[in-house]
PDB file of all heavy atoms in Angstrom:
ATOM      1  N   ALA A   1       9.727 -51.441  -9.058  1.00  0.00           N
ATOM      2  CA  ALA A   1       9.354 -50.737  -7.805  1.00  0.00           C
ATOM      3  C   ALA A   1      10.263 -49.516  -7.616  1.00  0.00           C
ATOM      4  O   ALA A   1       9.789 -48.453  -7.205  1.00  0.00           O
ATOM      5  CB  ALA A   1       9.484 -51.711  -6.638  1.00  0.00           C
ATOM      6  N   VAL A   2      11.575 -49.662  -7.918  1.00  0.00           N
ATOM      7  CA  VAL A   2      12.493 -48.539  -7.748  1.00  0.00           C
ATOM      8  C   VAL A   2      12.170 -47.471  -8.769  1.00  0.00           C
ATOM      9  O   VAL A   2      12.144 -46.246  -8.475  1.00  0.00           O
ATOM     10  CB  VAL A   2      13.935 -49.036  -7.912  1.00  0.00           C
ATOM     11  CG1 VAL A   2      14.896 -47.822  -7.982  1.00  0.00           C
ATOM     12  CG2 VAL A   2      14.302 -49.952  -6.794  1.00  0.00           C
ATOM     13  N   HIS A   3      11.874 -47.875 -10.039  1.00  0.00           N
ATOM     14  CA  HIS A   3      11.509 -46.858 -11.069  1.00  0.00           C
ATOM     15  C   HIS A   3      10.280 -46.110 -10.675  1.00  0.00           C
ATOM     16  O   HIS A   3      10.171 -44.864 -10.795  1.00  0.00           O
ATOM     17  CB  HIS A   3      11.276 -47.572 -12.397  1.00  0.00           C
ATOM     18  CG  HIS A   3      12.506 -48.083 -13.053  1.00  0.00           C
ATOM     19  ND1 HIS A   3      13.718 -47.398 -13.021  1.00  0.00           N
ATOM     20  CD2 HIS A   3      12.693 -49.242 -13.748  1.00  0.00           C
ATOM     21  CE1 HIS A   3      14.615 -48.106 -13.725  1.00  0.00           C
ATOM     22  NE2 HIS A   3      14.055 -49.243 -14.115  1.00  0.00           N
ATOM     23  N   ALA A   4       9.250 -46.833 -10.149  1.00  0.00           N
ATOM     24  CA  ALA A   4       7.997 -46.220  -9.736  1.00  0.00           C
ATOM     25  C   ALA A   4       8.219 -45.239  -8.566  1.00  0.00           C
ATOM     26  O   ALA A   4       7.642 -44.168  -8.567  1.00  0.00           O
ATOM     27  CB  ALA A   4       6.985 -47.332  -9.320  1.00  0.00           C
ATOM     28  N   LEU A   5       9.044 -45.683  -7.605  1.00  0.00           N
ATOM     29  CA  LEU A   5       9.334 -44.826  -6.469  1.00  0.00           C
ATOM     30  C   LEU A   5       9.919 -43.500  -6.956  1.00  0.00           C
ATOM     31  O   LEU A   5       9.511 -42.385  -6.537  1.00  0.00           O
ATOM     32  CB  LEU A   5      10.310 -45.514  -5.548  1.00  0.00           C
ATOM     33  CG  LEU A   5      10.936 -44.657  -4.464  1.00  0.00           C
ATOM     34  CD1 LEU A   5       9.871 -44.299  -3.404  1.00  0.00           C
ATOM     35  CD2 LEU A   5      12.135 -45.306  -3.820  1.00  0.00           C
ATOM     36  N   ARG A   6      10.950 -43.569  -7.816  1.00  0.00           N
ATOM     37  CA  ARG A   6      11.604 -42.361  -8.264  1.00  0.00           C
ATOM     38  C   ARG A   6      10.673 -41.465  -9.106  1.00  0.00           C
ATOM     39  O   ARG A   6      10.775 -40.237  -9.081  1.00  0.00           O
ATOM     40  CB  ARG A   6      12.853 -42.749  -9.115  1.00  0.00           C
ATOM     41  CG  ARG A   6      13.990 -43.293  -8.194  1.00  0.00           C
ATOM     42  CD  ARG A   6      15.140 -43.849  -8.965  1.00  0.00           C
ATOM     43  NE  ARG A   6      16.203 -44.228  -8.052  1.00  0.00           N
ATOM     44  CZ  ARG A   6      17.198 -45.082  -8.363  1.00  0.00           C
ATOM     45  NH1 ARG A   6      17.244 -45.577  -9.581  1.00  0.00           N
ATOM     46  NH2 ARG A   6      18.102 -45.396  -7.477  1.00  0.00           N
ATOM     47  N   LEU A   7       9.784 -42.086  -9.872  1.00  0.00           N
ATOM     48  CA  LEU A   7       8.795 -41.320 -10.624  1.00  0.00           C
ATOM     49  C   LEU A   7       7.884 -40.556  -9.660  1.00  0.00           C
ATOM     50  O   LEU A   7       7.580 -39.384  -9.841  1.00  0.00           O
ATOM     51  CB  LEU A   7       7.988 -42.278 -11.478  1.00  0.00           C
ATOM     52  CG  LEU A   7       6.843 -41.659 -12.346  1.00  0.00           C
ATOM     53  CD1 LEU A   7       7.464 -40.668 -13.357  1.00  0.00           C
ATOM     54  CD2 LEU A   7       6.040 -42.730 -13.035  1.00  0.00           C
ATOM     55  N   LEU A   8       7.410 -41.243  -8.614  1.00  0.00           N
ATOM     56  CA  LEU A   8       6.512 -40.604  -7.644  1.00  0.00           C
ATOM     57  C   LEU A   8       7.219 -39.508  -6.866  1.00  0.00           C
ATOM     58  O   LEU A   8       6.630 -38.455  -6.578  1.00  0.00           O
ATOM     59  CB  LEU A   8       5.972 -41.677  -6.689  1.00  0.00           C
ATOM     60  CG  LEU A   8       4.994 -42.677  -7.351  1.00  0.00           C
ATOM     61  CD1 LEU A   8       4.836 -43.898  -6.428  1.00  0.00           C
ATOM     62  CD2 LEU A   8       3.635 -42.030  -7.602  1.00  0.00           C
ATOM     63  N   VAL A   9       8.474 -39.747  -6.487  1.00  0.00           N
ATOM     64  CA  VAL A   9       9.275 -38.728  -5.784  1.00  0.00           C
ATOM     65  C   VAL A   9       9.470 -37.486  -6.650  1.00  0.00           C
ATOM     66  O   VAL A   9       9.296 -36.364  -6.199  1.00  0.00           O
ATOM     67  CB  VAL A   9      10.644 -39.310  -5.334  1.00  0.00           C
ATOM     68  CG1 VAL A   9      11.559 -38.190  -4.860  1.00  0.00           C
ATOM     69  CG2 VAL A   9      10.455 -40.350  -4.225  1.00  0.00           C
ATOM     70  N   ALA A  10       9.795 -37.713  -7.926  1.00  0.00           N
ATOM     71  CA  ALA A  10       9.999 -36.580  -8.829  1.00  0.00           C
ATOM     72  C   ALA A  10       8.716 -35.788  -8.977  1.00  0.00           C
ATOM     73  O   ALA A  10       8.767 -34.477  -8.991  1.00  0.00           O
ATOM     74  CB  ALA A  10      10.464 -37.092 -10.226  1.00  0.00           C
ATOM     75  N   PHE A  11       7.559 -36.472  -9.063  1.00  0.00           N
ATOM     76  CA  PHE A  11       6.302 -35.734  -9.159  1.00  0.00           C
ATOM     77  C   PHE A  11       6.067 -34.907  -7.894  1.00  0.00           C
ATOM     78  O   PHE A  11       5.639 -33.744  -7.979  1.00  0.00           O
ATOM     79  CB  PHE A  11       5.162 -36.740  -9.386  1.00  0.00           C
ATOM     80  CG  PHE A  11       3.801 -36.151  -9.186  1.00  0.00           C
ATOM     81  CD1 PHE A  11       3.296 -35.223 -10.014  1.00  0.00           C
ATOM     82  CD2 PHE A  11       3.058 -36.512  -8.028  1.00  0.00           C
ATOM     83  CE1 PHE A  11       2.035 -34.640  -9.826  1.00  0.00           C
ATOM     84  CE2 PHE A  11       1.827 -35.953  -7.838  1.00  0.00           C
ATOM     85  CZ  PHE A  11       1.296 -35.006  -8.716  1.00  0.00           C
ATOM     86  N   GLN A  12       6.271 -35.538  -6.717  1.00  0.00           N
ATOM     87  CA  GLN A  12       5.963 -34.847  -5.499  1.00  0.00           C
ATOM     88  C   GLN A  12       6.876 -33.623  -5.281  1.00  0.00           C
ATOM     89  O   GLN A  12       6.462 -32.544  -4.893  1.00  0.00           O
ATOM     90  CB  GLN A  12       6.050 -35.777  -4.316  1.00  0.00           C
ATOM     91  CG  GLN A  12       4.904 -36.799  -4.323  1.00  0.00           C
ATOM     92  CD  GLN A  12       4.866 -37.571  -3.014  1.00  0.00           C
ATOM     93  OE1 GLN A  12       4.159 -37.208  -2.079  1.00  0.00           O
ATOM     94  NE2 GLN A  12       5.595 -38.685  -2.969  1.00  0.00           N
ATOM     95  N   VAL A  13       8.172 -33.834  -5.546  1.00  0.00           N
ATOM     96  CA  VAL A  13       9.141 -32.760  -5.408  1.00  0.00           C
ATOM     97  C   VAL A  13       8.783 -31.584  -6.326  1.00  0.00           C
ATOM     98  O   VAL A  13       8.706 -30.406  -5.876  1.00  0.00           O
ATOM     99  CB  VAL A  13      10.586 -33.218  -5.695  1.00  0.00           C
ATOM    100  CG1 VAL A  13      11.564 -32.041  -5.763  1.00  0.00           C
ATOM    101  CG2 VAL A  13      11.025 -34.212  -4.603  1.00  0.00           C
ATOM    102  N   GLY A  14       8.528 -31.881  -7.586  1.00  0.00           N
ATOM    103  CA  GLY A  14       8.192 -30.829  -8.529  1.00  0.00           C
ATOM    104  C   GLY A  14       6.913 -30.104  -8.196  1.00  0.00           C
ATOM    105  O   GLY A  14       6.907 -28.859  -8.236  1.00  0.00           O
ATOM    106  N   SER A  15       5.897 -30.826  -7.865  1.00  0.00           N
ATOM    107  CA  SER A  15       4.570 -30.208  -7.643  1.00  0.00           C
ATOM    108  C   SER A  15       4.583 -29.400  -6.326  1.00  0.00           C
ATOM    109  O   SER A  15       4.058 -28.284  -6.242  1.00  0.00           O
ATOM    110  CB  SER A  15       3.452 -31.247  -7.558  1.00  0.00           C
ATOM    111  OG  SER A  15       3.686 -32.171  -6.534  1.00  0.00           O
ATOM    112  N   LEU A  16       5.275 -29.891  -5.313  1.00  0.00           N
ATOM    113  CA  LEU A  16       5.310 -29.172  -4.022  1.00  0.00           C
ATOM    114  C   LEU A  16       6.215 -27.954  -4.087  1.00  0.00           C
ATOM    115  O   LEU A  16       5.916 -26.896  -3.554  1.00  0.00           O
ATOM    116  CB  LEU A  16       5.782 -30.110  -2.917  1.00  0.00           C
ATOM    117  CG  LEU A  16       4.721 -31.062  -2.393  1.00  0.00           C
ATOM    118  CD1 LEU A  16       5.354 -32.125  -1.452  1.00  0.00           C
ATOM    119  CD2 LEU A  16       3.618 -30.331  -1.666  1.00  0.00           C
ATOM    120  N   MET A  17       7.357 -28.076  -4.805  1.00  0.00           N
ATOM    121  CA  MET A  17       8.187 -26.901  -4.929  1.00  0.00           C
ATOM    122  C   MET A  17       7.469 -25.794  -5.680  1.00  0.00           C
ATOM    123  O   MET A  17       7.574 -24.604  -5.348  1.00  0.00           O
ATOM    124  CB  MET A  17       9.524 -27.314  -5.666  1.00  0.00           C
ATOM    125  CG  MET A  17      10.439 -28.174  -4.841  1.00  0.00           C
ATOM    126  SD  MET A  17      11.129 -27.345  -3.388  1.00  0.00           S
ATOM    127  CE  MET A  17      12.413 -26.349  -4.168  1.00  0.00           C
ATOM    128  N   ARG A  18       6.737 -26.137  -6.719  1.00  0.00           N
ATOM    129  CA  ARG A  18       5.972 -25.205  -7.487  1.00  0.00           C
ATOM    130  C   ARG A  18       4.896 -24.584  -6.585  1.00  0.00           C
ATOM    131  O   ARG A  18       4.647 -23.362  -6.647  1.00  0.00           O
ATOM    132  CB  ARG A  18       5.317 -25.840  -8.663  1.00  0.00           C
ATOM    133  CG  ARG A  18       4.557 -24.873  -9.577  1.00  0.00           C
ATOM    134  CD  ARG A  18       4.159 -25.567 -10.899  1.00  0.00           C
ATOM    135  NE  ARG A  18       3.530 -24.615 -11.804  1.00  0.00           N
ATOM    136  CZ  ARG A  18       2.236 -24.362 -11.838  1.00  0.00           C
ATOM    137  NH1 ARG A  18       1.429 -25.022 -11.004  1.00  0.00           N
ATOM    138  NH2 ARG A  18       1.703 -23.519 -12.686  1.00  0.00           N
ATOM    139  N   GLU A  19       4.252 -25.402  -5.777  1.00  0.00           N
ATOM    140  CA  GLU A  19       3.206 -24.904  -4.902  1.00  0.00           C
ATOM    141  C   GLU A  19       3.751 -23.938  -3.853  1.00  0.00           C
ATOM    142  O   GLU A  19       3.183 -22.936  -3.551  1.00  0.00           O
ATOM    143  CB  GLU A  19       2.523 -26.095  -4.209  1.00  0.00           C
ATOM    144  CG  GLU A  19       1.303 -25.735  -3.337  1.00  0.00           C
ATOM    145  CD  GLU A  19       0.491 -26.914  -2.943  1.00  0.00           C
ATOM    146  OE1 GLU A  19       0.801 -28.016  -3.350  1.00  0.00           O
ATOM    147  OE2 GLU A  19      -0.455 -26.687  -2.132  1.00  0.00           O
ATOM    148  N   PHE A  20       4.918 -24.287  -3.273  1.00  0.00           N
ATOM    149  CA  PHE A  20       5.526 -23.415  -2.264  1.00  0.00           C
ATOM    150  C   PHE A  20       5.796 -22.012  -2.778  1.00  0.00           C
ATOM    151  O   PHE A  20       5.699 -21.024  -2.070  1.00  0.00           O
ATOM    152  CB  PHE A  20       6.871 -24.011  -1.782  1.00  0.00           C
ATOM    153  CG  PHE A  20       6.726 -25.271  -0.948  1.00  0.00           C
ATOM    154  CD1 PHE A  20       7.760 -26.155  -0.856  1.00  0.00           C
ATOM    155  CD2 PHE A  20       5.544 -25.506  -0.291  1.00  0.00           C
ATOM    156  CE1 PHE A  20       7.651 -27.300  -0.084  1.00  0.00           C
ATOM    157  CE2 PHE A  20       5.413 -26.643   0.514  1.00  0.00           C
ATOM    158  CZ  PHE A  20       6.435 -27.545   0.610  1.00  0.00           C
ATOM    159  N   HIS A  21       6.134 -21.919  -4.082  1.00  0.00           N
ATOM    160  CA  HIS A  21       6.576 -20.664  -4.642  1.00  0.00           C
ATOM    161  C   HIS A  21       5.480 -19.965  -5.480  1.00  0.00           C
ATOM    162  O   HIS A  21       5.751 -18.942  -6.127  1.00  0.00           O
ATOM    163  CB  HIS A  21       7.850 -20.851  -5.511  1.00  0.00           C
ATOM    164  CG  HIS A  21       9.047 -21.235  -4.674  1.00  0.00           C
ATOM    165  ND1 HIS A  21       9.745 -20.340  -3.927  1.00  0.00           N
ATOM    166  CD2 HIS A  21       9.625 -22.440  -4.440  1.00  0.00           C
ATOM    167  CE1 HIS A  21      10.745 -20.967  -3.288  1.00  0.00           C
ATOM    168  NE2 HIS A  21      10.653 -22.240  -3.608  1.00  0.00           N
ATOM    169  N   SER A  22       4.307 -20.523  -5.536  1.00  0.00           N
ATOM    170  CA  SER A  22       3.277 -19.933  -6.353  1.00  0.00           C
ATOM    171  C   SER A  22       2.584 -18.795  -5.637  1.00  0.00           C
ATOM    172  O   SER A  22       2.506 -18.771  -4.435  1.00  0.00           O
ATOM    173  CB  SER A  22       2.202 -20.954  -6.705  1.00  0.00           C
ATOM    174  OG  SER A  22       1.387 -21.239  -5.561  1.00  0.00           O
ATOM    175  N   PRO A  23       2.158 -17.752  -6.342  1.00  0.00           N
ATOM    176  CA  PRO A  23       1.453 -16.615  -5.725  1.00  0.00           C
ATOM    177  C   PRO A  23       0.196 -17.086  -4.933  1.00  0.00           C
ATOM    178  O   PRO A  23      -0.106 -16.531  -3.892  1.00  0.00           O
ATOM    179  CB  PRO A  23       1.072 -15.717  -6.888  1.00  0.00           C
ATOM    180  CG  PRO A  23       2.072 -16.071  -7.976  1.00  0.00           C
ATOM    181  CD  PRO A  23       2.297 -17.533  -7.796  1.00  0.00           C
ATOM    182  N   ALA A  24      -0.499 -18.080  -5.464  1.00  0.00           N
ATOM    183  CA  ALA A  24      -1.714 -18.522  -4.831  1.00  0.00           C
ATOM    184  C   ALA A  24      -1.458 -19.133  -3.469  1.00  0.00           C
ATOM    185  O   ALA A  24      -2.231 -18.999  -2.574  1.00  0.00           O
ATOM    186  CB  ALA A  24      -2.417 -19.572  -5.720  1.00  0.00           C
ATOM    187  N   PHE A  25      -0.270 -19.768  -3.288  1.00  0.00           N
ATOM    188  CA  PHE A  25       0.057 -20.371  -2.034  1.00  0.00           C
ATOM    189  C   PHE A  25       0.361 -19.286  -0.975  1.00  0.00           C
ATOM    190  O   PHE A  25       0.000 -19.379   0.186  1.00  0.00           O
ATOM    191  CB  PHE A  25       1.304 -21.266  -2.169  1.00  0.00           C
ATOM    192  CG  PHE A  25       1.709 -21.960  -0.869  1.00  0.00           C
ATOM    193  CD1 PHE A  25       1.031 -23.051  -0.436  1.00  0.00           C
ATOM    194  CD2 PHE A  25       2.728 -21.475  -0.150  1.00  0.00           C
ATOM    195  CE1 PHE A  25       1.379 -23.659   0.766  1.00  0.00           C
ATOM    196  CE2 PHE A  25       3.127 -22.086   1.033  1.00  0.00           C
ATOM    197  CZ  PHE A  25       2.431 -23.187   1.483  1.00  0.00           C
ATOM    198  N   ARG A  26       0.972 -18.205  -1.410  1.00  0.00           N
ATOM    199  CA  ARG A  26       1.355 -17.120  -0.502  1.00  0.00           C
ATOM    200  C   ARG A  26       0.155 -16.242  -0.184  1.00  0.00           C
ATOM    201  O   ARG A  26       0.125 -15.508   0.777  1.00  0.00           O
ATOM    202  CB  ARG A  26       2.458 -16.244  -1.106  1.00  0.00           C
ATOM    203  CG  ARG A  26       3.819 -16.978  -1.253  1.00  0.00           C
ATOM    204  CD  ARG A  26       4.939 -16.026  -1.608  1.00  0.00           C
ATOM    205  NE  ARG A  26       4.685 -15.331  -2.844  1.00  0.00           N
ATOM    206  CZ  ARG A  26       5.122 -15.786  -4.022  1.00  0.00           C
ATOM    207  NH1 ARG A  26       5.748 -16.973  -4.064  1.00  0.00           N
ATOM    208  NH2 ARG A  26       4.902 -15.095  -5.127  1.00  0.00           N
ATOM    209  N   GLY A  27      -0.907 -16.377  -0.988  1.00  0.00           N
ATOM    210  CA  GLY A  27      -2.113 -15.577  -0.745  1.00  0.00           C
ATOM    211  C   GLY A  27      -2.125 -14.341  -1.641  1.00  0.00           C
ATOM    212  O   GLY A  27      -1.150 -13.584  -1.694  1.00  0.00           O
ATOM    213  N   GLU A  28      -3.203 -14.149  -2.335  1.00  0.00           N
ATOM    214  CA  GLU A  28      -3.311 -12.984  -3.200  1.00  0.00           C
ATOM    215  C   GLU A  28      -4.765 -12.633  -3.361  1.00  0.00           C
ATOM    216  O   GLU A  28      -5.667 -13.485  -3.203  1.00  0.00           O
ATOM    217  CB  GLU A  28      -2.688 -13.225  -4.566  1.00  0.00           C
ATOM    218  CG  GLU A  28      -3.324 -14.414  -5.316  1.00  0.00           C
ATOM    219  CD  GLU A  28      -2.677 -14.648  -6.642  1.00  0.00           C
ATOM    220  OE1 GLU A  28      -1.782 -13.911  -7.043  1.00  0.00           O
ATOM    221  OE2 GLU A  28      -3.077 -15.640  -7.306  1.00  0.00           O
ATOM    222  N   ASP A  29      -5.084 -11.368  -3.673  1.00  0.00           N
ATOM    223  CA  ASP A  29      -6.465 -10.962  -3.803  1.00  0.00           C
ATOM    224  C   ASP A  29      -6.953 -11.144  -5.251  1.00  0.00           C
ATOM    225  O   ASP A  29      -6.190 -11.491  -6.142  1.00  0.00           O
ATOM    226  CB  ASP A  29      -6.638  -9.475  -3.382  1.00  0.00           C
ATOM    227  CG  ASP A  29      -5.678  -8.544  -4.120  1.00  0.00           C
ATOM    228  OD1 ASP A  29      -5.373  -8.854  -5.305  1.00  0.00           O
ATOM    229  OD2 ASP A  29      -5.282  -7.547  -3.548  1.00  0.00           O
ATOM    230  N   GLU A  30      -8.235 -10.942  -5.444  1.00  0.00           N
ATOM    231  CA  GLU A  30      -8.833 -11.213  -6.744  1.00  0.00           C
ATOM    232  C   GLU A  30      -8.264 -10.251  -7.832  1.00  0.00           C
ATOM    233  O   GLU A  30      -8.212 -10.597  -9.002  1.00  0.00           O
ATOM    234  CB  GLU A  30     -10.352 -11.048  -6.649  1.00  0.00           C
ATOM    235  CG  GLU A  30     -11.031 -12.090  -5.814  1.00  0.00           C
ATOM    236  CD  GLU A  30     -12.541 -11.957  -5.810  1.00  0.00           C
ATOM    237  OE1 GLU A  30     -13.051 -11.057  -6.510  1.00  0.00           O
ATOM    238  OE2 GLU A  30     -13.184 -12.759  -5.074  1.00  0.00           O
ATOM    239  N   SER A  31      -7.860  -9.065  -7.408  1.00  0.00           N
ATOM    240  CA  SER A  31      -7.333  -8.114  -8.412  1.00  0.00           C
ATOM    241  C   SER A  31      -6.024  -8.682  -9.028  1.00  0.00           C
ATOM    242  O   SER A  31      -5.805  -8.460 -10.246  1.00  0.00           O
ATOM    243  CB  SER A  31      -7.038  -6.784  -7.751  1.00  0.00           C
ATOM    244  OG  SER A  31      -6.062  -6.921  -6.724  1.00  0.00           O
ATOM    245  N   ALA A  32      -5.234  -9.378  -8.269  1.00  0.00           N
ATOM    246  CA  ALA A  32      -4.043  -9.961  -8.788  1.00  0.00           C
ATOM    247  C   ALA A  32      -4.345 -11.066  -9.857  1.00  0.00           C
ATOM    248  O   ALA A  32      -3.654 -11.177 -10.856  1.00  0.00           O
ATOM    249  CB  ALA A  32      -3.163 -10.574  -7.671  1.00  0.00           C
ATOM    250  N   VAL A  33      -5.363 -11.845  -9.579  1.00  0.00           N
ATOM    251  CA  VAL A  33      -5.814 -12.880 -10.498  1.00  0.00           C
ATOM    252  C   VAL A  33      -6.345 -12.272 -11.793  1.00  0.00           C
ATOM    253  O   VAL A  33      -5.978 -12.702 -12.891  1.00  0.00           O
ATOM    254  CB  VAL A  33      -6.908 -13.757  -9.855  1.00  0.00           C
ATOM    255  CG1 VAL A  33      -7.434 -14.789 -10.887  1.00  0.00           C
ATOM    256  CG2 VAL A  33      -6.378 -14.479  -8.640  1.00  0.00           C
ATOM    257  N   ARG A  34      -7.129 -11.185 -11.637  1.00  0.00           N
ATOM    258  CA  ARG A  34      -7.632 -10.512 -12.838  1.00  0.00           C
ATOM    259  C   ARG A  34      -6.493  -9.929 -13.658  1.00  0.00           C
ATOM    260  O   ARG A  34      -6.518  -9.985 -14.900  1.00  0.00           O
ATOM    261  CB  ARG A  34      -8.625  -9.424 -12.416  1.00  0.00           C
ATOM    262  CG  ARG A  34      -9.969  -9.929 -11.897  1.00  0.00           C
ATOM    263  CD  ARG A  34     -10.987  -8.852 -11.901  1.00  0.00           C
ATOM    264  NE  ARG A  34     -10.581  -7.718 -11.030  1.00  0.00           N
ATOM    265  CZ  ARG A  34     -10.892  -7.650  -9.713  1.00  0.00           C
ATOM    266  NH1 ARG A  34     -11.564  -8.642  -9.154  1.00  0.00           N
ATOM    267  NH2 ARG A  34     -10.496  -6.623  -9.025  1.00  0.00           N
ATOM    268  N   GLU A  35      -5.517  -9.350 -12.990  1.00  0.00           N
ATOM    269  CA  GLU A  35      -4.403  -8.773 -13.707  1.00  0.00           C
ATOM    270  C   GLU A  35      -3.643  -9.824 -14.482  1.00  0.00           C
ATOM    271  O   GLU A  35      -3.203  -9.640 -15.653  1.00  0.00           O
ATOM    272  CB  GLU A  35      -3.477  -8.025 -12.743  1.00  0.00           C
ATOM    273  CG  GLU A  35      -2.271  -7.379 -13.385  1.00  0.00           C
ATOM    274  CD  GLU A  35      -1.403  -6.666 -12.408  1.00  0.00           C
ATOM    275  OE1 GLU A  35      -1.786  -6.550 -11.203  1.00  0.00           O
ATOM    276  OE2 GLU A  35      -0.295  -6.222 -12.775  1.00  0.00           O
ATOM    277  N   ARG A  36      -3.427 -10.983 -13.840  1.00  0.00           N
ATOM    278  CA  ARG A  36      -2.696 -12.074 -14.486  1.00  0.00           C
ATOM    279  C   ARG A  36      -3.496 -12.586 -15.702  1.00  0.00           C
ATOM    280  O   ARG A  36      -2.952 -12.882 -16.773  1.00  0.00           O
ATOM    281  CB  ARG A  36      -2.416 -13.189 -13.516  1.00  0.00           C
ATOM    282  CG  ARG A  36      -1.554 -14.274 -14.106  1.00  0.00           C
ATOM    283  CD  ARG A  36      -0.889 -15.111 -13.018  1.00  0.00           C
ATOM    284  NE  ARG A  36      -1.833 -15.741 -12.144  1.00  0.00           N
ATOM    285  CZ  ARG A  36      -2.016 -15.426 -10.850  1.00  0.00           C
ATOM    286  NH1 ARG A  36      -1.286 -14.407 -10.338  1.00  0.00           N
ATOM    287  NH2 ARG A  36      -2.888 -16.011 -10.084  1.00  0.00           N
ATOM    288  N   GLU A  37      -4.840 -12.675 -15.538  1.00  0.00           N
ATOM    289  CA  GLU A  37      -5.696 -13.158 -16.651  1.00  0.00           C
ATOM    290  C   GLU A  37      -5.610 -12.180 -17.805  1.00  0.00           C
ATOM    291  O   GLU A  37      -5.516 -12.590 -18.986  1.00  0.00           O
ATOM    292  CB  GLU A  37      -7.139 -13.283 -16.147  1.00  0.00           C
ATOM    293  CG  GLU A  37      -8.079 -13.743 -17.249  1.00  0.00           C
ATOM    294  CD  GLU A  37      -9.507 -13.920 -16.748  1.00  0.00           C
ATOM    295  OE1 GLU A  37      -9.704 -13.979 -15.539  1.00  0.00           O
ATOM    296  OE2 GLU A  37     -10.403 -14.027 -17.623  1.00  0.00           O
ATOM    297  N   GLU A  38      -5.645 -10.869 -17.519  1.00  0.00           N
ATOM    298  CA  GLU A  38      -5.596  -9.864 -18.618  1.00  0.00           C
ATOM    299  C   GLU A  38      -4.262  -9.933 -19.337  1.00  0.00           C
ATOM    300  O   GLU A  38      -4.159  -9.824 -20.559  1.00  0.00           O
ATOM    301  CB  GLU A  38      -5.797  -8.509 -18.006  1.00  0.00           C
ATOM    302  CG  GLU A  38      -7.214  -8.256 -17.507  1.00  0.00           C
ATOM    303  CD  GLU A  38      -7.350  -6.931 -16.739  1.00  0.00           C
ATOM    304  OE1 GLU A  38      -6.328  -6.232 -16.621  1.00  0.00           O
ATOM    305  OE2 GLU A  38      -8.443  -6.647 -16.284  1.00  0.00           O
TER     306      GLU A  38
END
């Protein structure tokens, strides 16, 4: 149970921190997406 808890916490911390700092979270237009794809 403790191992599972720490695994779930690590996943949530990592995914949310990445989401907070991603360009998509802050908002961006389609031109930025096209530029990144290119």
